């Protein structure tokens, strides 16, 4: 009798395993989500009713997911959406981004305004071209050195002091680093494809590394410790420049930048300038205005 029971159990188990394998091959196994808000966002995107299971095959159809401000806390289950190319998850409550490790087809990823501190899972996402990590709790950005295809990067409002991993990102055209703890910007000196750079609200006093970035069109250095702006003389492509709230006492380098002209905008408020009519600083402002520059002082 015991023998027959064992044989019966064996065939039952074999049948279950065989059915599981068949289901796996067919891609019909169900994807489970810990976070109901994430599941709801995915269902909405895939236009699936709540009583229909999200299968492995179905979630692979997901190419774009925009789920900002949905009170999402867990990304578990999203790891199966391996064909995702665009993912927006701003303004949620995400801390763990490990489920993103295998989403190697991502080209745009936005995780702004979450509670993320560890970004190491992003190391494998080498197809990324746009990445937003602003308003998180990030200190270490060493992972980003692998993402050499990046063209646009937002890292504002974090806890970053060391930006050396950015030195390899030579394809960057837009870089936002405002409201961090940055003092050394030497790693930016070779990012000659940059067109837009925001370094406002940091601890920067030496801007010499910016002297080679002649393609810059927009530069924000507001609320730093800058006094010497001579490196800006060669940045003749500038169209918008913010130098508010620094320690600048001489703006003659702006006059020497002959690229600044009609329709361009310069902010120099709250510096150490002598705005007495007839004095050098006011004369320089007048010279810029005569060239068509909008000067806010």
Foldseek 3Di string as FASTA:
>chain_A
DVVVVVVVVVVVVVVVVVVVVVCVVVQFDAQDDPWVLVVVQQCVVLVHDPVDGCTLVNLCVAAEGAREPSQDADPRRNLSVQNHAYYHHEHYAYADDLSCLNNQNHAEYAHHQYAYADPLSCLNNQNHAYYHHDNYAYADPLSCLNNQNHAEYHHDHYAYADPLSCLNNLNHQYYAHEHYAYADPLSCLNNQNHAEYAHDHYAYADPLSCLNNLNHAYYEHAHYAYADPLSCLNNLNHQEYEHHNYAHADPVSVVSNVSQAANGEYEHHPYNYDCPPPDDVVVSVVSSVVRRYHYHD
